[in-house]
Amino acid sequence: MTFDVAIVGGGASGVLCAIHLLRAGGVPLRIALIEKAGEPGAGIAYSTRRPEHLLNVVAGRMSVIDADPEHFMRYLAAQAVPGTSTDTPATVFAERRQYAAYLRATLAHERARSTSRLQVIGDEIVAIEPEDELHLVSRAGHTLRARHAILALGNWPRDLSISFGAGVPAAAVLQGWDFTAIAGIDLDEDVLIAGSGLSMVDAVLTLTANRHRGKVHVVSRHALLPLPHARHGAVDVDIDALSRLPLARRVATLRRLAREAASRGEPWQWVMDTLRGENAHLWQTLSSSDQARFLRHASRYWDVHRHRIAPQAAAVVDAMLRSGRLTRHAGRIASVAPCGERVRVDIDLARAGGSASIVMDRLVNCIGMQKDLGRVPDDLVSALLRRGAVRRGPHGIGLDTDAAGALIDAGGRADPRLSTLGSVRIGRLWESVAIPELRVQAALLAERVGRRLTSVP
């Protein structure tokens, strides 16, 4: 099979690329969307079927089309989703499962009206060989040929780097993105969650929705929890002046702006909202040493202020804290060992000093995504790195790209036939994970790929 464009990965970023390629004018394209799960539109983030799992961004900012901000709201209104209508302010935090349906519906709509042709292929690409055309080799043993390939790879969960004693039952350790397994936790079981970020919130929301009665412990290095959104707004920030400052002075400036906003009765969140769309520029104008310093010392503080959660989700977490059913520990898990029919988790309490041991029924891994792609269990990424067709991004995270998203090989050369978007560009862009960033990247990629394929015979 031969295509003009092959999109490897059918999660949100892959579907966004397909939508924008289908919407592009010019010469009709033959497009393949390759997704090992078969059905596109979910990926890890949107594969949940749980109604309590909400988007972390209001519906008015989740359109797949940057120039049409009400696109998602119109979809919700047409589906008669409670709390939405054509004249409702776009402040609803919709369910993530609704967003997966929206992605699929939009893809189907654009597919039906486009002169380009899209084929969805249920397979997994394990190698890409550069010939006159790119040869994409699938796990099923098929070879697809394409003039251009877009790697829409999404995220991989990070493994727990801890010692497991012999005899720890496999069923006692769950992945934070295994929504079905977490929903199956017995109501009286005690649970320890490793990590205190967005995946932890998902797990807590599901436990609460199921009327879970056991104790819940959360362990992370800082024990910082995601903060809630406020009503949307903005403050005056001189981005050019901010971008000329070193890291320490930038942080001091943002803190000052937050204090000034609070003195005016404005939410501190407005400072972070104002930076939206400028974060990649702010990252790229930091020196390499300041970027490394940020990654070591400030990234977690940034995450809890920047990647916020719906107020109703924050209220559930807060209620569990106040009731004493949820306890936070600042430290790291040192080891896990069997303890009768349960497991004993040993924790190094880094800040308080000393250690603690907690006997649990279940341990849930919510420590987030793996940024070092040399460690991901993905045959395609491993093969590309091994062959030198790609290289790690700055600071060893993500994959390296040029400004347009073309992947850079081990020799420092950008391959115009091989592009990517999303979280794998984190080393270059830092902010590269949310729909408002992904839709812009996908549209720019579609424009560039279409222009290139038109100019190259």
Protein backbone atom coordinates (compact mmCIF):
# COMPACT_ATOMS: atom_id res chain seq x y z
CA MET A 1 0.00 0.00 0.00
CA THR A 2 1.27 3.44 -0.92
CA PHE A 3 0.23 6.72 0.70
CA ASP A 4 1.20 10.34 0.53
CA VAL A 5 1.11 10.71 4.32
CA ALA A 6 1.21 8.02 7.00
CA ILE A 7 0.23 9.11 10.52
CA VAL A 8 1.67 6.71 13.09
CA GLY A 9 -0.60 6.80 16.15
CA GLY A 10 -4.33 7.37 16.35
CA GLY A 11 -4.65 9.17 19.67
CA ALA A 12 -5.61 12.82 19.96
CA SER A 13 -2.51 14.17 18.20
CA GLY A 14 -2.82 11.70 15.33
CA VAL A 15 -6.51 12.45 14.83
CA LEU A 16 -5.82 16.19 14.92
CA CYS A 17 -3.23 15.73 12.15
CA ALA A 18 -5.69 13.70 10.08
CA ILE A 19 -8.44 16.30 10.54
CA HIS A 20 -6.21 19.15 9.41
CA LEU A 21 -4.81 17.21 6.46
CA LEU A 22 -8.37 16.43 5.36
CA ARG A 23 -9.34 20.09 5.75
CA ALA A 24 -6.36 21.37 3.75
CA GLY A 25 -6.98 22.52 0.22
CA GLY A 26 -4.82 21.78 -2.78
CA VAL A 27 -4.00 18.42 -4.31
CA PRO A 28 -5.99 15.53 -2.77
CA LEU A 29 -3.87 13.32 -0.53
CA ARG A 30 -3.87 9.61 0.26
CA ILE A 31 -3.62 9.46 4.06
CA ALA A 32 -3.11 6.46 6.35
CA LEU A 33 -3.94 6.70 10.06
CA ILE A 34 -2.29 3.75 11.78
CA GLU A 35 -3.53 2.89 15.28
CA LYS A 36 -2.77 -0.40 16.99
CA ALA A 37 -6.00 -0.24 19.04
CA GLY A 38 -7.98 -0.11 15.80
CA GLU A 39 -10.34 2.74 16.69
CA PRO A 40 -8.76 6.20 16.60
CA GLY A 41 -9.57 9.12 18.86
CA ALA A 42 -8.76 7.94 22.35
CA GLY A 43 -5.13 7.29 23.17
CA ILE A 44 -4.28 7.10 26.85
CA ALA A 45 -5.76 10.44 27.86
CA TYR A 46 -9.22 9.96 26.37
CA SER A 47 -9.61 6.19 26.62
CA THR A 48 -11.42 6.45 29.95
CA ARG A 49 -15.11 5.57 30.00
CA ARG A 50 -15.57 6.96 33.51
CA PRO A 51 -17.94 9.96 33.77
CA GLU A 52 -16.02 11.44 36.71
CA HIS A 53 -12.91 11.98 34.57
CA LEU A 54 -13.17 15.55 33.30
CA LEU A 55 -11.16 17.62 30.89
CA ASN A 56 -8.62 19.88 32.57
CA VAL A 57 -9.49 22.72 30.20
CA VAL A 58 -12.89 24.38 29.74
CA ALA A 59 -14.87 23.37 26.67
CA GLY A 60 -14.51 26.81 25.12
CA ARG A 61 -10.78 26.21 24.71
CA MET A 62 -10.92 22.62 23.44
CA SER A 63 -11.95 23.10 19.81
CA VAL A 64 -9.90 21.10 17.32
CA ILE A 65 -9.88 24.19 15.10
CA ASP A 66 -8.00 27.16 16.49
CA ALA A 67 -9.93 29.69 14.38
CA ASP A 68 -13.30 28.29 15.48
CA PRO A 69 -13.24 28.27 19.31
CA GLU A 70 -16.94 27.34 19.60
CA HIS A 71 -16.59 24.15 17.54
CA PHE A 72 -16.53 21.79 20.55
CA MET A 73 -19.29 23.72 22.31
CA ARG A 74 -21.56 23.32 19.28
CA TYR A 75 -20.87 19.59 19.32
CA LEU A 76 -21.80 19.33 23.01
CA ALA A 77 -24.96 21.34 22.46
CA ALA A 78 -25.94 19.15 19.49
CA GLN A 79 -25.45 16.06 21.66
CA ALA A 80 -27.64 17.62 24.38
CA VAL A 81 -24.87 17.25 26.94
CA PRO A 82 -26.19 18.54 30.31
CA GLY A 83 -25.02 22.03 31.17
CA THR A 84 -24.29 23.07 27.59
CA SER A 85 -26.25 24.93 24.96
CA THR A 86 -25.49 27.19 22.02
CA ASP A 87 -25.74 30.25 24.27
CA THR A 88 -23.98 28.81 27.36
CA PRO A 89 -20.66 30.41 28.32
CA ALA A 90 -17.85 28.07 27.33
CA THR A 91 -16.89 27.31 30.92
CA VAL A 92 -18.02 23.68 31.13
CA PHE A 93 -15.45 21.03 32.09
CA ALA A 94 -16.76 18.25 29.87
CA GLU A 95 -16.16 14.54 30.41
CA ARG A 96 -13.05 13.18 28.71
CA ARG A 97 -15.04 10.35 27.15
CA GLN A 98 -17.16 13.02 25.43
CA TYR A 99 -14.04 14.54 23.97
CA ALA A 100 -12.96 11.20 22.50
CA ALA A 101 -16.37 10.96 20.83
CA TYR A 102 -15.97 14.53 19.55
CA LEU A 103 -12.61 13.71 17.98
CA ARG A 104 -14.07 10.68 16.21
CA ALA A 105 -17.15 12.60 15.05
CA THR A 106 -15.07 15.47 13.68
CA LEU A 107 -12.75 13.05 11.90
CA ALA A 108 -15.74 11.30 10.32
CA HIS A 109 -17.25 14.63 9.24
CA GLU A 110 -14.04 15.87 7.62
CA ARG A 111 -13.44 12.48 6.03
CA ALA A 112 -16.86 12.57 4.37
CA ARG A 113 -16.44 16.05 2.90
CA SER A 114 -12.76 16.03 1.90
CA THR A 115 -11.35 15.33 -1.54
CA SER A 116 -8.44 13.62 0.19
CA ARG A 117 -8.84 9.98 1.16
CA LEU A 118 -8.18 8.56 4.63
CA GLN A 119 -7.65 4.88 5.46
CA VAL A 120 -7.61 3.79 9.10
CA ILE A 121 -5.30 0.80 9.62
CA GLY A 122 -5.42 -1.29 12.80
CA ASP A 123 -1.76 -2.21 13.18
CA GLU A 124 1.46 -1.08 14.87
CA ILE A 125 4.49 0.32 13.07
CA VAL A 126 7.74 -1.14 14.45
CA ALA A 127 10.29 0.23 11.96
CA ILE A 128 10.68 2.92 9.30
CA GLU A 129 13.27 2.38 6.59
CA PRO A 130 14.39 5.30 4.39
CA GLU A 131 14.26 4.32 0.72
CA ASP A 132 13.15 6.53 -2.20
CA GLU A 133 9.92 6.46 -0.22
CA LEU A 134 9.63 5.71 3.48
CA HIS A 135 8.95 2.03 4.15
CA LEU A 136 6.88 1.56 7.31
CA VAL A 137 7.04 -2.00 8.62
CA SER A 138 4.12 -3.18 10.76
CA ARG A 139 4.05 -5.72 13.53
CA ALA A 140 1.76 -7.85 11.38
CA GLY A 141 4.53 -8.03 8.77
CA HIS A 142 3.08 -5.61 6.24
CA THR A 143 5.05 -2.81 4.59
CA LEU A 144 3.41 0.52 3.86
CA ARG A 145 5.10 3.05 1.61
CA ALA A 146 4.67 6.77 2.24
CA ARG A 147 6.12 10.02 0.95
CA HIS A 148 5.86 11.52 4.43
CA ALA A 149 5.35 10.10 7.92
CA ILE A 150 4.07 11.91 10.99
CA LEU A 151 4.86 10.28 14.32
CA ALA A 152 1.91 11.04 16.62
CA LEU A 153 3.27 8.92 19.43
CA GLY A 154 1.53 10.31 22.51
CA ASN A 155 2.75 9.38 26.00
CA TRP A 156 4.16 6.37 27.81
CA PRO A 157 3.73 5.83 31.58
CA ARG A 158 6.92 5.92 33.61
CA ASP A 159 7.83 2.74 35.50
CA LEU A 160 8.23 2.70 39.25
CA SER A 161 11.99 2.65 39.92
CA ILE A 162 11.71 0.71 43.16
CA SER A 163 12.64 -2.67 44.55
CA PHE A 164 9.83 -5.26 44.60
CA GLY A 165 10.35 -8.12 46.99
CA ALA A 166 9.75 -11.69 45.92
CA GLY A 167 6.16 -12.73 46.36
CA VAL A 168 4.49 -9.34 45.74
CA PRO A 169 1.33 -10.31 43.83
CA ALA A 170 1.09 -8.75 40.37
CA ALA A 171 -2.54 -7.81 41.03
CA ALA A 172 -1.44 -5.56 43.91
CA VAL A 173 0.32 -3.11 41.56
CA LEU A 174 -1.87 -1.15 39.13
CA GLN A 175 -1.10 1.42 36.44
CA GLY A 176 -2.74 4.81 36.86
CA TRP A 177 -4.06 4.74 33.30
CA ASP A 178 -5.67 1.30 33.75
CA PHE A 179 -9.02 2.86 34.50
CA THR A 180 -10.88 -0.46 34.57
CA ALA A 181 -8.51 -1.98 37.15
CA ILE A 182 -8.75 1.06 39.42
CA ALA A 183 -12.54 0.98 39.20
CA GLY A 184 -12.34 -2.66 40.33
CA ILE A 185 -10.54 -1.90 43.64
CA ASP A 186 -12.55 -3.32 46.53
CA LEU A 187 -14.36 -0.66 48.54
CA ASP A 188 -12.59 -1.57 51.80
CA GLU A 189 -9.08 -1.98 50.41
CA ASP A 190 -6.37 0.45 51.47
CA VAL A 191 -4.63 2.13 48.54
CA LEU A 192 -1.27 3.83 48.14
CA ILE A 193 -0.84 6.06 45.09
CA ALA A 194 2.69 6.80 43.87
CA GLY A 195 2.64 10.29 42.40
CA SER A 196 0.47 13.29 43.18
CA GLY A 197 -0.30 14.71 39.74
CA LEU A 198 -3.21 14.52 37.32
CA SER A 199 -3.29 10.70 37.17
CA MET A 200 -3.56 10.60 40.96
CA VAL A 201 -6.60 12.89 40.73
CA ASP A 202 -8.20 10.47 38.24
CA ALA A 203 -7.67 7.57 40.65
CA VAL A 204 -9.08 9.50 43.62
CA LEU A 205 -12.13 10.59 41.61
CA THR A 206 -12.87 6.98 40.65
CA LEU A 207 -12.45 5.73 44.21
CA THR A 208 -14.81 8.45 45.45
CA ALA A 209 -17.37 7.78 42.71
CA ASN A 210 -17.37 4.10 43.76
CA ARG A 211 -17.92 5.11 47.43
CA HIS A 212 -14.58 3.64 48.42
CA ARG A 213 -14.20 3.30 52.22
CA GLY A 214 -10.54 2.36 52.64
CA LYS A 215 -7.61 4.63 53.42
CA VAL A 216 -5.77 6.35 50.58
CA HIS A 217 -2.12 7.42 50.86
CA VAL A 218 -0.34 9.58 48.27
CA VAL A 219 3.47 9.58 48.06
CA SER A 220 5.52 11.95 45.93
CA ARG A 221 8.75 13.87 46.25
CA HIS A 222 7.07 17.19 47.08
CA ALA A 223 3.53 15.98 47.91
CA LEU A 224 2.20 18.89 45.85
CA LEU A 225 -1.31 18.48 44.43
CA PRO A 226 -2.70 20.01 41.23
CA LEU A 227 -4.42 23.33 41.88
CA PRO A 228 -7.90 24.30 40.65
CA HIS A 229 -8.86 26.54 37.77
CA ALA A 230 -10.48 29.89 38.44
CA ARG A 231 -12.72 31.80 36.07
CA HIS A 232 -10.72 32.70 32.98
CA GLY A 233 -8.97 36.04 32.83
CA ALA A 234 -5.70 37.77 32.08
CA VAL A 235 -3.32 40.34 33.52
CA ASP A 236 -0.81 42.63 31.84
CA VAL A 237 2.51 40.79 31.36
CA ASP A 238 5.38 42.17 29.30
CA ILE A 239 6.41 38.90 27.60
CA ASP A 240 9.39 40.45 25.81
CA ALA A 241 10.79 41.84 29.06
CA LEU A 242 10.11 38.55 30.86
CA SER A 243 11.89 36.55 28.15
CA ARG A 244 15.07 38.59 28.64
CA LEU A 245 15.33 37.65 32.33
CA PRO A 246 17.21 34.65 33.74
CA LEU A 247 15.20 31.95 35.48
CA ALA A 248 15.42 33.25 39.06
CA ARG A 249 14.28 36.74 38.08
CA ARG A 250 11.45 35.32 35.94
CA VAL A 251 10.16 33.33 38.90
CA ALA A 252 10.38 36.41 41.13
CA THR A 253 8.51 38.47 38.53
CA LEU A 254 5.70 35.92 38.21
CA ARG A 255 5.34 35.75 41.98
CA ARG A 256 5.14 39.55 42.14
CA LEU A 257 2.49 39.63 39.41
CA ALA A 258 0.46 36.98 41.28
CA ARG A 259 0.64 39.03 44.51
CA GLU A 260 -0.43 42.17 42.65
CA ALA A 261 -3.35 40.33 41.05
CA ALA A 262 -4.46 39.06 44.47
CA SER A 263 -4.29 42.60 45.87
CA ARG A 264 -6.74 43.66 43.14
CA GLY A 265 -9.04 40.76 43.98
CA GLU A 266 -8.05 38.84 40.85
CA PRO A 267 -7.16 35.12 40.88
CA TRP A 268 -3.45 34.29 40.70
CA GLN A 269 -4.40 31.84 37.94
CA TRP A 270 -4.80 34.78 35.57
CA VAL A 271 -1.03 35.24 35.51
CA MET A 272 -0.60 31.67 34.24
CA ASP A 273 -3.49 32.08 31.79
CA THR A 274 -1.77 35.12 30.30
CA LEU A 275 1.34 33.05 29.57
CA ARG A 276 -0.67 30.49 27.58
CA GLY A 277 0.62 30.51 24.04
CA GLU A 278 3.91 32.10 25.10
CA ASN A 279 5.37 29.25 27.11
CA ALA A 280 7.35 27.68 24.27
CA HIS A 281 8.95 31.08 23.56
CA LEU A 282 9.70 31.57 27.24
CA TRP A 283 11.30 28.11 27.41
CA GLN A 284 13.43 28.67 24.32
CA THR A 285 14.71 32.02 25.59
CA LEU A 286 16.08 30.43 28.76
CA SER A 287 19.73 29.48 28.66
CA SER A 288 20.49 25.76 28.56
CA SER A 289 21.79 25.92 32.12
CA ASP A 290 18.62 27.66 33.31
CA GLN A 291 16.49 25.07 31.52
CA ALA A 292 18.39 22.33 33.34
CA ARG A 293 17.97 24.21 36.63
CA PHE A 294 14.21 24.50 35.97
CA LEU A 295 13.95 20.76 35.31
CA ARG A 296 15.78 19.94 38.55
CA HIS A 297 14.16 22.39 40.92
CA ALA A 298 11.07 24.10 39.53
CA SER A 299 9.23 21.82 37.11
CA ARG A 300 6.91 20.30 39.72
CA TYR A 301 5.97 23.73 41.08
CA TRP A 302 5.29 24.84 37.52
CA ASP A 303 3.12 21.78 36.83
CA VAL A 304 0.75 22.26 39.76
CA HIS A 305 0.21 25.92 38.89
CA ARG A 306 0.10 25.52 35.11
CA HIS A 307 -1.68 22.17 34.61
CA ARG A 308 -4.72 22.76 36.79
CA ILE A 309 -7.89 20.75 37.31
CA ALA A 310 -11.62 21.40 37.26
CA PRO A 311 -12.88 23.05 40.47
CA GLN A 312 -15.28 20.17 41.10
CA ALA A 313 -12.40 17.67 40.87
CA ALA A 314 -10.33 19.77 43.27
CA ALA A 315 -13.26 19.84 45.68
CA VAL A 316 -13.37 16.03 45.79
CA VAL A 317 -9.66 15.80 46.58
CA ASP A 318 -9.94 18.54 49.20
CA ALA A 319 -12.88 16.79 50.87
CA MET A 320 -10.90 13.56 51.12
CA LEU A 321 -7.97 15.44 52.68
CA ARG A 322 -10.19 17.19 55.23
CA SER A 323 -11.94 13.95 56.18
CA GLY A 324 -8.61 12.24 56.86
CA ARG A 325 -9.27 9.51 54.29
CA LEU A 326 -6.43 10.81 52.10
CA THR A 327 -2.95 11.37 53.54
CA ARG A 328 0.02 12.92 51.73
CA HIS A 329 3.65 11.92 52.26
CA ALA A 330 6.61 13.90 50.90
CA GLY A 331 9.20 11.30 50.03
CA ARG A 332 9.85 8.35 47.78
CA ILE A 333 8.96 4.68 47.82
CA ALA A 334 12.07 2.67 48.67
CA SER A 335 10.73 -0.87 48.44
CA VAL A 336 7.61 -3.02 48.31
CA ALA A 337 7.42 -6.40 50.01
CA PRO A 338 4.70 -8.98 50.68
CA CYS A 339 3.00 -8.79 54.07
CA GLY A 340 0.64 -11.71 54.45
CA GLU A 341 -2.03 -11.21 51.78
CA ARG A 342 -1.17 -7.51 51.56
CA VAL A 343 1.98 -5.52 50.73
CA ARG A 344 4.28 -3.39 52.88
CA VAL A 345 5.47 -0.16 51.30
CA ASP A 346 8.63 1.40 52.79
CA ILE A 347 8.92 5.16 52.28
CA ASP A 348 11.94 7.45 52.65
CA LEU A 349 10.55 10.70 54.06
CA ALA A 350 13.06 13.02 52.41
CA ARG A 351 11.84 16.30 53.87
CA ALA A 352 10.77 15.21 57.33
CA GLY A 353 13.68 12.82 57.67
CA GLY A 354 13.39 9.20 58.67
CA SER A 355 11.17 6.62 57.07
CA ALA A 356 7.73 5.04 57.30
CA SER A 357 6.18 1.69 56.47
CA ILE A 358 2.56 1.39 55.37
CA VAL A 359 0.69 -1.87 54.83
CA MET A 360 -1.57 -1.61 51.79
CA ASP A 361 -3.79 -3.71 49.59
CA ARG A 362 -3.08 -1.90 46.33
CA LEU A 363 -0.27 0.28 44.94
CA VAL A 364 -1.19 2.51 41.99
CA ASN A 365 1.52 3.93 39.73
CA CYS A 366 0.62 7.55 38.94
CA ILE A 367 4.12 9.00 38.61
CA GLY A 368 3.46 10.43 35.17
CA MET A 369 4.88 10.13 31.70
CA GLN A 370 8.33 8.97 30.66
CA LYS A 371 10.23 11.91 29.16
CA ASP A 372 13.39 9.93 28.33
CA LEU A 373 12.32 8.11 25.17
CA GLY A 374 15.35 5.86 25.37
CA ARG A 375 13.51 4.12 28.21
CA VAL A 376 10.09 3.59 26.61
CA PRO A 377 8.98 0.08 25.64
CA ASP A 378 8.28 1.06 22.04
CA ASP A 379 9.86 -0.90 19.20
CA LEU A 380 9.59 1.94 16.69
CA VAL A 381 11.23 4.57 18.90
CA SER A 382 13.94 2.10 19.91
CA ALA A 383 14.65 1.19 16.28
CA LEU A 384 14.82 4.83 15.16
CA LEU A 385 17.18 5.76 18.00
CA ARG A 386 19.35 2.71 17.40
CA ARG A 387 19.66 3.50 13.67
CA GLY A 388 20.38 7.17 14.35
CA ALA A 389 17.34 8.30 12.39
CA VAL A 390 16.30 10.38 15.42
CA ARG A 391 18.01 11.62 18.55
CA ARG A 392 16.93 12.59 22.04
CA GLY A 393 15.83 16.15 22.56
CA PRO A 394 17.61 18.76 24.68
CA HIS A 395 18.35 17.57 28.24
CA GLY A 396 17.72 14.00 27.09
CA ILE A 397 13.93 14.38 26.99
CA GLY A 398 11.62 13.78 24.06
CA LEU A 399 12.96 13.72 20.52
CA ASP A 400 14.82 16.54 18.81
CA THR A 401 13.05 18.50 16.07
CA ASP A 402 13.52 21.65 14.07
CA ALA A 403 11.15 24.60 14.47
CA ALA A 404 8.63 23.04 12.06
CA GLY A 405 8.53 19.64 13.77
CA ALA A 406 10.83 17.74 11.39
CA LEU A 407 12.78 15.09 13.30
CA ILE A 408 16.55 15.55 13.60
CA ASP A 409 18.86 12.58 13.19
CA ALA A 410 21.99 11.65 15.14
CA GLY A 411 24.12 13.78 12.82
CA GLY A 412 22.06 16.90 13.45
CA ARG A 413 20.22 16.86 10.11
CA ALA A 414 16.45 17.38 9.86
CA ASP A 415 14.66 14.79 7.72
CA PRO A 416 11.97 16.66 5.72
CA ARG A 417 10.03 13.40 5.27
CA LEU A 418 9.66 12.61 8.98
CA SER A 419 7.77 14.86 11.39
CA THR A 420 6.29 14.72 14.85
CA LEU A 421 4.18 16.72 17.28
CA GLY A 422 3.01 16.69 20.86
CA SER A 423 4.77 15.53 23.98
CA VAL A 424 7.82 14.14 22.18
CA ARG A 425 8.77 17.77 21.38
CA ILE A 426 8.98 18.58 25.10
CA GLY A 427 12.74 19.13 25.09
CA ARG A 428 12.42 21.85 22.44
CA LEU A 429 9.07 23.37 23.40
CA TRP A 430 8.39 22.24 27.00
CA GLU A 431 4.66 23.09 26.69
CA SER A 432 3.59 20.58 24.05
CA VAL A 433 0.93 18.34 25.59
CA ALA A 434 -2.47 20.08 25.68
CA ILE A 435 -5.07 20.40 22.90
CA PRO A 436 -4.60 24.19 22.46
CA GLU A 437 -0.95 23.51 21.58
CA LEU A 438 -1.55 20.28 19.67
CA ARG A 439 -4.19 21.73 17.33
CA VAL A 440 -1.83 24.54 16.29
CA GLN A 441 1.04 22.11 15.73
CA ALA A 442 -1.24 19.79 13.71
CA ALA A 443 -2.51 22.62 11.50
CA LEU A 444 1.01 23.89 10.83
CA LEU A 445 2.22 20.36 10.06
CA ALA A 446 -0.67 19.77 7.65
CA GLU A 447 0.11 23.01 5.84
CA ARG A 448 3.84 22.26 5.62
CA VAL A 449 3.40 18.62 4.56
CA GLY A 450 0.84 19.55 1.92
CA ARG A 451 3.10 22.26 0.53
CA ARG A 452 6.10 19.92 0.45
CA LEU A 453 4.25 17.07 -1.26
CA THR A 454 2.88 19.46 -3.86
CA SER A 455 6.34 20.81 -4.68
CA VAL A 456 8.16 17.44 -4.69
CA PRO A 457 7.22 15.04 -7.51
